[in-house]
N, C-alpha and C. Protein backbone atom coordinates (compact mmCIF):
# COMPACT_ATOMS: atom_id res chain seq x y z
N MET A 1 14.82 -16.87 31.74
CA MET A 1 13.67 -16.15 32.24
C MET A 1 12.45 -16.50 31.39
N GLU A 2 11.38 -16.84 32.03
CA GLU A 2 10.16 -17.18 31.30
C GLU A 2 9.35 -15.91 31.05
N LYS A 3 8.64 -15.92 29.94
CA LYS A 3 7.80 -14.78 29.59
C LYS A 3 6.35 -15.20 29.63
N ARG A 4 5.48 -14.22 29.69
CA ARG A 4 4.05 -14.51 29.66
C ARG A 4 3.54 -14.34 28.24
N ASP A 5 2.75 -15.31 27.81
CA ASP A 5 2.10 -15.22 26.51
C ASP A 5 0.91 -14.28 26.66
N ALA A 6 0.92 -13.19 25.92
CA ALA A 6 -0.12 -12.17 26.07
C ALA A 6 -1.50 -12.71 25.69
N ALA A 7 -1.56 -13.60 24.72
CA ALA A 7 -2.85 -14.11 24.26
C ALA A 7 -3.47 -15.08 25.27
N ASN A 8 -2.64 -15.93 25.85
CA ASN A 8 -3.17 -16.95 26.75
C ASN A 8 -2.91 -16.65 28.21
N SER A 9 -2.15 -15.63 28.50
CA SER A 9 -1.81 -15.23 29.86
C SER A 9 -1.19 -16.39 30.63
N LYS A 10 -0.26 -17.09 29.99
CA LYS A 10 0.45 -18.20 30.63
C LYS A 10 1.94 -17.99 30.42
N LEU A 11 2.74 -18.68 31.21
CA LEU A 11 4.18 -18.57 31.04
C LEU A 11 4.61 -19.28 29.76
N VAL A 12 5.52 -18.63 29.04
CA VAL A 12 6.03 -19.19 27.80
C VAL A 12 7.52 -19.42 27.98
N SER A 13 7.96 -20.64 27.71
CA SER A 13 9.38 -20.95 27.87
C SER A 13 10.17 -20.41 26.68
N PRO A 14 11.47 -20.22 26.86
CA PRO A 14 12.30 -19.78 25.73
C PRO A 14 12.27 -20.77 24.58
N ASN A 15 12.11 -22.06 24.89
CA ASN A 15 12.03 -23.08 23.84
C ASN A 15 10.80 -22.86 22.97
N GLU A 16 9.66 -22.55 23.58
CA GLU A 16 8.44 -22.28 22.81
C GLU A 16 8.59 -21.03 21.96
N THR A 17 9.27 -20.03 22.50
CA THR A 17 9.49 -18.80 21.74
C THR A 17 10.38 -19.08 20.53
N ALA A 18 11.41 -19.90 20.72
CA ALA A 18 12.30 -20.23 19.60
C ALA A 18 11.53 -20.98 18.50
N TRP A 19 10.65 -21.90 18.88
CA TRP A 19 9.87 -22.63 17.89
C TRP A 19 8.87 -21.71 17.20
N MET A 20 8.32 -20.74 17.93
CA MET A 20 7.40 -19.79 17.32
C MET A 20 8.13 -18.97 16.25
N ILE A 21 9.32 -18.51 16.56
CA ILE A 21 10.10 -17.72 15.60
C ILE A 21 10.45 -18.56 14.38
N THR A 22 10.94 -19.78 14.60
CA THR A 22 11.32 -20.66 13.50
C THR A 22 10.12 -20.99 12.62
N GLY A 23 9.01 -21.32 13.25
CA GLY A 23 7.81 -21.68 12.51
C GLY A 23 7.29 -20.54 11.66
N ARG A 24 7.29 -19.35 12.21
CA ARG A 24 6.80 -18.21 11.43
C ARG A 24 7.71 -17.87 10.26
N LEU A 25 9.03 -17.96 10.48
CA LEU A 25 9.95 -17.66 9.39
C LEU A 25 9.82 -18.68 8.26
N VAL A 26 9.77 -19.95 8.62
CA VAL A 26 9.65 -21.00 7.59
C VAL A 26 8.31 -20.90 6.88
N ALA A 27 7.24 -20.70 7.65
CA ALA A 27 5.91 -20.60 7.04
C ALA A 27 5.82 -19.40 6.10
N GLY A 28 6.40 -18.28 6.48
CA GLY A 28 6.39 -17.10 5.62
C GLY A 28 7.13 -17.34 4.32
N MET A 29 8.29 -18.01 4.41
CA MET A 29 9.05 -18.30 3.19
C MET A 29 8.29 -19.26 2.29
N ILE A 30 7.65 -20.27 2.88
CA ILE A 30 6.93 -21.26 2.07
C ILE A 30 5.69 -20.64 1.43
N VAL A 31 4.90 -19.94 2.23
CA VAL A 31 3.65 -19.38 1.72
C VAL A 31 3.90 -18.35 0.63
N TYR A 32 4.76 -17.37 0.92
CA TYR A 32 4.99 -16.33 -0.07
C TYR A 32 5.87 -16.80 -1.22
N GLY A 33 6.72 -17.80 -0.98
CA GLY A 33 7.44 -18.43 -2.08
C GLY A 33 6.48 -19.13 -3.03
N ALA A 34 5.45 -19.78 -2.46
CA ALA A 34 4.43 -20.44 -3.29
C ALA A 34 3.62 -19.42 -4.07
N VAL A 35 3.31 -18.29 -3.43
CA VAL A 35 2.60 -17.23 -4.14
C VAL A 35 3.46 -16.71 -5.30
N GLY A 36 4.76 -16.54 -5.05
CA GLY A 36 5.67 -16.12 -6.12
C GLY A 36 5.76 -17.15 -7.23
N TRP A 37 5.75 -18.42 -6.86
CA TRP A 37 5.77 -19.48 -7.87
C TRP A 37 4.51 -19.45 -8.74
N LEU A 38 3.35 -19.26 -8.07
CA LEU A 38 2.10 -19.16 -8.84
C LEU A 38 2.10 -17.95 -9.77
N LEU A 39 2.62 -16.84 -9.28
CA LEU A 39 2.72 -15.65 -10.14
C LEU A 39 3.66 -15.91 -11.30
N SER A 40 4.73 -16.65 -11.05
CA SER A 40 5.68 -16.94 -12.13
C SER A 40 5.06 -17.84 -13.19
N LEU A 41 4.19 -18.75 -12.77
CA LEU A 41 3.50 -19.58 -13.76
C LEU A 41 2.55 -18.75 -14.60
N TRP A 42 1.94 -17.77 -13.97
CA TRP A 42 0.95 -16.94 -14.65
C TRP A 42 1.60 -15.89 -15.54
N LEU A 43 2.67 -15.24 -15.00
CA LEU A 43 3.27 -14.10 -15.70
C LEU A 43 4.63 -14.38 -16.33
N GLY A 44 5.26 -15.46 -15.98
CA GLY A 44 6.62 -15.72 -16.47
C GLY A 44 7.65 -15.19 -15.48
N HIS A 45 8.92 -15.15 -15.86
CA HIS A 45 10.01 -14.65 -15.02
C HIS A 45 10.07 -15.43 -13.70
N GLN A 46 10.25 -16.73 -13.80
CA GLN A 46 10.16 -17.62 -12.65
C GLN A 46 11.07 -17.22 -11.50
N ALA A 47 12.34 -17.02 -11.77
CA ALA A 47 13.28 -16.75 -10.68
C ALA A 47 12.96 -15.44 -9.96
N LEU A 48 12.52 -14.46 -10.68
CA LEU A 48 12.24 -13.16 -10.09
C LEU A 48 11.08 -13.23 -9.09
N PHE A 49 9.97 -13.84 -9.45
CA PHE A 49 8.81 -13.88 -8.58
C PHE A 49 9.02 -14.81 -7.38
N ILE A 50 9.68 -15.93 -7.59
CA ILE A 50 9.93 -16.84 -6.46
C ILE A 50 10.86 -16.18 -5.46
N ALA A 51 11.94 -15.59 -5.93
CA ALA A 51 12.87 -14.91 -5.03
C ALA A 51 12.20 -13.74 -4.31
N GLY A 52 11.41 -12.98 -5.05
CA GLY A 52 10.68 -11.87 -4.43
C GLY A 52 9.69 -12.34 -3.39
N GLY A 53 9.00 -13.44 -3.66
CA GLY A 53 8.05 -13.99 -2.70
C GLY A 53 8.72 -14.47 -1.43
N VAL A 54 9.86 -15.15 -1.58
CA VAL A 54 10.59 -15.64 -0.41
C VAL A 54 11.12 -14.47 0.41
N LEU A 55 11.68 -13.47 -0.24
CA LEU A 55 12.20 -12.29 0.48
C LEU A 55 11.07 -11.53 1.18
N PHE A 56 9.94 -11.38 0.51
CA PHE A 56 8.80 -10.72 1.14
C PHE A 56 8.30 -11.54 2.33
N GLY A 57 8.28 -12.86 2.19
CA GLY A 57 7.86 -13.73 3.29
C GLY A 57 8.77 -13.61 4.50
N ILE A 58 10.07 -13.53 4.27
CA ILE A 58 11.02 -13.34 5.37
C ILE A 58 10.77 -12.01 6.05
N ALA A 59 10.61 -10.95 5.26
CA ALA A 59 10.40 -9.61 5.84
C ALA A 59 9.09 -9.55 6.63
N ALA A 60 8.03 -10.10 6.08
CA ALA A 60 6.74 -10.08 6.77
C ALA A 60 6.80 -10.92 8.05
N SER A 61 7.47 -12.05 7.99
CA SER A 61 7.59 -12.91 9.17
C SER A 61 8.41 -12.24 10.26
N LEU A 62 9.50 -11.60 9.87
CA LEU A 62 10.31 -10.90 10.87
C LEU A 62 9.52 -9.78 11.53
N TYR A 63 8.73 -9.07 10.75
CA TYR A 63 7.89 -8.01 11.33
C TYR A 63 6.92 -8.59 12.35
N LEU A 64 6.27 -9.70 12.00
CA LEU A 64 5.31 -10.31 12.92
C LEU A 64 5.99 -10.84 14.18
N VAL A 65 7.16 -11.44 14.03
CA VAL A 65 7.89 -11.96 15.19
C VAL A 65 8.31 -10.81 16.10
N LEU A 66 8.87 -9.77 15.53
CA LEU A 66 9.32 -8.64 16.34
C LEU A 66 8.15 -7.92 17.02
N ALA A 67 7.03 -7.80 16.33
CA ALA A 67 5.85 -7.17 16.93
C ALA A 67 5.35 -7.99 18.11
N ARG A 68 5.30 -9.31 17.97
CA ARG A 68 4.83 -10.15 19.07
C ARG A 68 5.80 -10.11 20.25
N LEU A 69 7.11 -10.20 19.98
CA LEU A 69 8.08 -10.16 21.06
C LEU A 69 8.06 -8.81 21.78
N ASN A 70 7.87 -7.73 21.04
CA ASN A 70 7.76 -6.41 21.65
C ASN A 70 6.53 -6.33 22.54
N HIS A 71 5.42 -6.89 22.07
CA HIS A 71 4.19 -6.89 22.86
C HIS A 71 4.37 -7.72 24.14
N GLU A 72 4.99 -8.88 24.02
CA GLU A 72 5.22 -9.73 25.19
C GLU A 72 6.15 -9.05 26.19
N THR A 73 7.18 -8.38 25.68
CA THR A 73 8.11 -7.67 26.56
C THR A 73 7.40 -6.55 27.31
N ASN A 74 6.54 -5.81 26.63
CA ASN A 74 5.79 -4.74 27.29
C ASN A 74 4.85 -5.30 28.34
N GLU A 75 4.21 -6.45 28.07
CA GLU A 75 3.33 -7.08 29.06
C GLU A 75 4.11 -7.52 30.29
N ILE A 76 5.31 -8.06 30.09
CA ILE A 76 6.14 -8.49 31.22
C ILE A 76 6.55 -7.29 32.05
N ARG A 77 6.94 -6.20 31.38
CA ARG A 77 7.34 -4.99 32.11
C ARG A 77 6.17 -4.43 32.92
N LYS A 78 4.97 -4.44 32.34
CA LYS A 78 3.80 -3.95 33.07
C LYS A 78 3.51 -4.82 34.29
N SER A 79 3.58 -6.13 34.11
CA SER A 79 3.30 -7.02 35.24
C SER A 79 4.38 -6.90 36.31
N ASP A 80 5.63 -6.68 35.91
CA ASP A 80 6.71 -6.49 36.88
C ASP A 80 6.53 -5.18 37.64
N GLN A 81 6.07 -4.13 36.96
CA GLN A 81 5.85 -2.85 37.63
C GLN A 81 4.72 -2.95 38.65
N TYR A 82 3.64 -3.65 38.28
CA TYR A 82 2.53 -3.82 39.20
C TYR A 82 2.91 -4.66 40.39
N SER A 83 3.70 -5.71 40.17
CA SER A 83 4.08 -6.57 41.28
C SER A 83 5.08 -5.86 42.20
N SER A 84 5.97 -5.02 41.64
CA SER A 84 6.92 -4.31 42.49
C SER A 84 6.23 -3.19 43.27
N LYS A 85 5.18 -2.58 42.73
CA LYS A 85 4.43 -1.56 43.45
C LYS A 85 3.65 -2.19 44.61
N GLY A 86 3.17 -3.40 44.41
CA GLY A 86 2.41 -4.07 45.45
C GLY A 86 3.27 -4.52 46.60
N GLN A 87 4.57 -4.71 46.39
CA GLN A 87 5.45 -5.16 47.44
C GLN A 87 5.94 -4.02 48.31
N GLN A 88 5.83 -2.80 47.85
CA GLN A 88 6.34 -1.65 48.61
C GLN A 88 5.43 -1.24 49.71
């Protein structure tokens, strides 16, 4: 089943959704892992800050992915309700 992208109002394939999820998770781990690495250079305790940055990046990325998927699902439900009302 294809979904509509809320931002662009176009159909989004499951393949695009999978790449969006993968990209956000990897980007979150890299960005916040790098922030943790920079903090470790500044403050010491290298393993602690890098691990904390990566874990925070995963958590933040999962939140963003779930929020977007929830928004897309609500948009699909709204469009399905409007289209089913118009057919009656």
